[in-house]
Amino acid sequence: MTFKEGIKQVERINEQLIDADRLMSETVINAFMFTWQWWFGIGLFIIPWFIWFLFRNRQSTGRLLMGGFITIILSLMIDLIALSSGLWSYPMMFSPIGPLLFLPYHFSLAPVAIMFTLQIKPKANPLLKGAIFSALGAFIGMNFFEMIDFYNPKGWSTIYDFFIYLFLFLIAYWFSNMNGFKKISDGY
């Protein structure tokens, strides 16, 4: 295949992706929107942030948000790789615009849960805290989401989810405990 043929192939694939996205959007609007599952997912997106805002350690807000934002970025990257490889899927969609982008798991549940875990017993062993968090997320959370058809593991082992959650927690822990924070106005 030549370079020009590759460009044409990519354009055809992009058109197919646009058509698939249109079908997903129609499904969200016609099958999912305003069902109890849809409202539950919207609640899972909004309520954790509201609770976190009320009960966060105010002196550590910036550090906790750093851990939360890195969790969002990494979980989205992991999911994009897994979804494009067909390792798992999310049958329930919440937004007709970019249906794969608005998932309460990435933008709310995982980061908020990690931020709460980070602030609870901050001097405890991070590996132990991460293992407990990961076990709850993988063995209880993911199985619950599979049960209500929010998640389809397609044969993906829950033990792999455990290690993904552990990785996310430890990276968030590392970022939230960095000592290189200095006010920008302090300059060089």
Protein backbone atom coordinates (compact mmCIF):
# COMPACT_ATOMS: atom_id res chain seq x y z
CA MET A 1 0.00 0.00 0.00
CA THR A 2 1.33 3.41 -0.92
CA PHE A 3 1.23 6.51 1.27
CA LYS A 4 -1.65 8.00 -0.75
CA GLU A 5 -3.60 4.73 -0.53
CA GLY A 6 -3.02 4.75 3.22
CA ILE A 7 -4.43 8.29 3.45
CA LYS A 8 -7.53 7.22 1.49
CA GLN A 9 -7.92 4.13 3.72
CA VAL A 10 -7.74 6.27 6.84
CA GLU A 11 -10.42 8.62 5.45
CA ARG A 12 -12.73 5.64 4.79
CA ILE A 13 -12.12 4.35 8.31
CA ASN A 14 -12.83 7.80 9.78
CA GLU A 15 -16.17 7.85 7.94
CA GLN A 16 -16.99 4.43 9.42
CA LEU A 17 -16.07 5.69 12.89
CA ILE A 18 -18.35 8.70 12.43
CA ASP A 19 -21.19 6.37 11.37
CA ALA A 20 -20.55 4.13 14.39
CA ASP A 21 -20.55 7.15 16.70
CA ARG A 22 -23.83 8.31 15.17
CA LEU A 23 -25.37 4.88 15.85
CA MET A 24 -24.11 4.96 19.45
CA SER A 25 -25.59 8.43 19.92
CA GLU A 26 -28.95 7.28 18.56
CA THR A 27 -28.84 4.31 20.95
CA VAL A 28 -28.18 6.59 23.92
CA ILE A 29 -31.08 8.86 22.96
CA ASN A 30 -33.56 6.12 22.05
CA ALA A 31 -32.70 3.32 24.49
CA PHE A 32 -30.78 4.62 27.50
CA MET A 33 -31.60 8.25 28.17
CA PHE A 34 -33.84 8.81 31.21
CA THR A 35 -33.86 5.13 32.23
CA TRP A 36 -33.04 4.33 35.85
CA GLN A 37 -29.60 3.13 34.68
CA TRP A 38 -28.96 6.44 32.93
CA TRP A 39 -29.99 8.44 36.03
CA PHE A 40 -27.86 6.15 38.19
CA GLY A 41 -24.84 6.80 35.94
CA ILE A 42 -25.45 10.57 36.01
CA GLY A 43 -25.64 10.35 39.79
CA LEU A 44 -22.37 8.41 39.86
CA PHE A 45 -20.82 11.26 37.91
CA ILE A 46 -22.10 14.14 40.06
CA ILE A 47 -22.56 12.86 43.63
CA PRO A 48 -18.97 11.66 44.32
CA TRP A 49 -17.58 15.11 43.45
CA PHE A 50 -20.17 16.80 45.65
CA ILE A 51 -19.32 14.50 48.57
CA TRP A 52 -15.59 14.98 47.98
CA PHE A 53 -15.99 18.76 47.93
CA LEU A 54 -17.72 18.64 51.32
CA PHE A 55 -15.41 16.13 53.03
CA ARG A 56 -12.01 16.68 51.44
CA ASN A 57 -8.96 17.61 53.45
CA ARG A 58 -9.00 21.31 52.59
CA GLN A 59 -5.32 21.82 53.35
CA SER A 60 -4.43 19.13 50.79
CA THR A 61 -6.94 20.01 48.07
CA GLY A 62 -4.28 20.76 45.44
CA ARG A 63 -2.33 17.59 46.13
CA LEU A 64 -5.47 15.47 46.13
CA LEU A 65 -6.64 17.02 42.87
CA MET A 66 -3.22 16.25 41.36
CA GLY A 67 -3.76 12.58 42.25
CA GLY A 68 -7.33 12.71 40.94
CA PHE A 69 -6.40 14.32 37.64
CA ILE A 70 -3.58 11.87 36.97
CA THR A 71 -6.08 9.09 37.69
CA ILE A 72 -8.47 10.53 35.09
CA ILE A 73 -5.72 10.78 32.47
CA LEU A 74 -4.29 7.31 33.08
CA SER A 75 -7.65 5.56 33.34
CA LEU A 76 -8.77 7.14 30.06
CA MET A 77 -5.55 6.06 28.36
CA ILE A 78 -5.87 2.49 29.68
CA ASP A 79 -9.50 2.35 28.61
CA LEU A 80 -8.83 3.70 25.13
CA ILE A 81 -6.21 1.00 24.59
CA ALA A 82 -8.43 -1.75 26.02
CA LEU A 83 -11.56 -0.63 24.16
CA SER A 84 -9.75 -0.35 20.83
CA SER A 85 -8.25 -3.82 21.43
CA GLY A 86 -11.64 -5.29 22.31
CA LEU A 87 -10.53 -6.40 25.79
CA TRP A 88 -13.67 -5.06 27.46
CA SER A 89 -16.56 -2.74 26.68
CA TYR A 90 -19.07 -0.45 28.32
CA PRO A 91 -22.51 -1.37 26.93
CA MET A 92 -24.26 1.44 28.82
CA MET A 93 -23.61 4.91 27.40
CA PHE A 94 -24.59 8.17 29.07
CA SER A 95 -23.98 10.94 26.53
CA PRO A 96 -25.08 11.16 22.90
CA ILE A 97 -22.09 13.40 22.18
CA GLY A 98 -18.87 11.40 22.34
CA PRO A 99 -20.55 8.49 24.14
CA LEU A 100 -17.24 6.87 25.13
CA LEU A 101 -15.89 10.05 26.68
CA PHE A 102 -18.50 10.62 29.36
CA LEU A 103 -18.09 7.73 31.70
CA PRO A 104 -18.61 8.17 35.43
CA TYR A 105 -15.83 5.66 36.11
CA HIS A 106 -13.07 7.83 34.66
CA PHE A 107 -14.22 11.30 35.53
CA SER A 108 -15.73 10.69 38.94
CA LEU A 109 -15.70 7.29 40.64
CA ALA A 110 -12.05 6.32 40.22
CA PRO A 111 -10.47 9.74 40.88
CA VAL A 112 -12.73 10.60 43.82
CA ALA A 113 -12.30 7.15 45.39
CA ILE A 114 -8.53 7.45 45.03
CA MET A 115 -8.53 10.97 46.49
CA PHE A 116 -10.54 9.80 49.51
CA THR A 117 -8.23 6.82 49.94
CA LEU A 118 -5.20 9.11 49.77
CA GLN A 119 -6.48 11.34 52.55
CA ILE A 120 -7.55 8.53 54.89
CA LYS A 121 -4.70 7.56 57.21
CA PRO A 122 -2.09 9.43 55.14
CA LYS A 123 0.83 7.87 57.04
CA ALA A 124 -0.33 4.28 56.43
CA ASN A 125 1.59 2.01 54.09
CA PRO A 126 0.58 3.07 50.55
CA LEU A 127 0.92 -0.47 49.22
CA LEU A 128 -1.53 -1.76 51.85
CA LYS A 129 -3.95 1.12 51.23
CA GLY A 130 -3.64 0.58 47.49
CA ALA A 131 -4.27 -3.15 47.84
CA ILE A 132 -7.42 -2.58 49.90
CA PHE A 133 -8.66 0.08 47.46
CA SER A 134 -7.86 -2.16 44.49
CA ALA A 135 -9.60 -5.19 45.98
CA LEU A 136 -12.76 -3.17 46.66
CA GLY A 137 -12.71 -1.58 43.20
CA ALA A 138 -11.92 -4.74 41.24
CA PHE A 139 -13.72 -7.49 43.12
CA ILE A 140 -16.76 -5.55 44.31
CA GLY A 141 -17.08 -2.48 42.07
CA MET A 142 -16.34 -4.05 38.69
CA ASN A 143 -18.49 -7.10 39.46
CA PHE A 144 -21.35 -4.80 40.46
CA PHE A 145 -21.02 -2.81 37.22
CA GLU A 146 -20.96 -6.03 35.24
CA MET A 147 -24.11 -7.18 37.03
CA ILE A 148 -26.04 -4.02 36.05
CA ASP A 149 -24.69 -4.10 32.45
CA PHE A 150 -22.47 -1.04 32.75
CA TYR A 151 -19.34 -3.14 32.07
CA ASN A 152 -18.65 -6.18 29.89
CA PRO A 153 -15.27 -7.76 30.74
CA LYS A 154 -15.36 -10.07 27.68
CA GLY A 155 -13.31 -12.66 29.54
CA TRP A 156 -10.99 -10.07 31.13
CA SER A 157 -9.97 -11.37 34.55
CA THR A 158 -10.89 -9.33 37.61
CA ILE A 159 -7.38 -9.89 38.94
CA TYR A 160 -6.12 -7.73 36.06
CA ASP A 161 -8.50 -4.99 37.19
CA PHE A 162 -6.99 -5.30 40.67
CA PHE A 163 -3.51 -4.58 39.30
CA ILE A 164 -4.79 -1.70 37.15
CA TYR A 165 -6.40 -0.11 40.21
CA LEU A 166 -3.25 -0.69 42.24
CA PHE A 167 -1.17 0.96 39.50
CA LEU A 168 -3.56 3.94 39.37
CA PHE A 169 -3.51 4.34 43.15
CA LEU A 170 0.28 4.15 43.47
CA ILE A 171 0.85 6.65 40.65
CA ALA A 172 -1.74 9.00 42.18
CA TYR A 173 -0.06 8.54 45.57
CA TRP A 174 3.31 9.43 44.08
CA PHE A 175 1.99 12.54 42.32
CA SER A 176 0.06 13.71 45.36
CA ASN A 177 3.16 13.40 47.57
CA MET A 178 5.61 15.23 45.32
CA ASN A 179 7.65 17.86 47.12
CA GLY A 180 8.20 20.05 44.07
CA PHE A 181 5.21 22.34 44.62
CA LYS A 182 6.09 25.98 44.77
CA LYS A 183 3.96 29.01 43.99
CA ILE A 184 4.39 30.15 40.41
CA SER A 185 4.73 33.75 41.58
CA ASP A 186 7.86 32.74 43.54
CA GLY A 187 9.59 32.30 40.16
CA TYR A 188 13.21 31.37 39.64
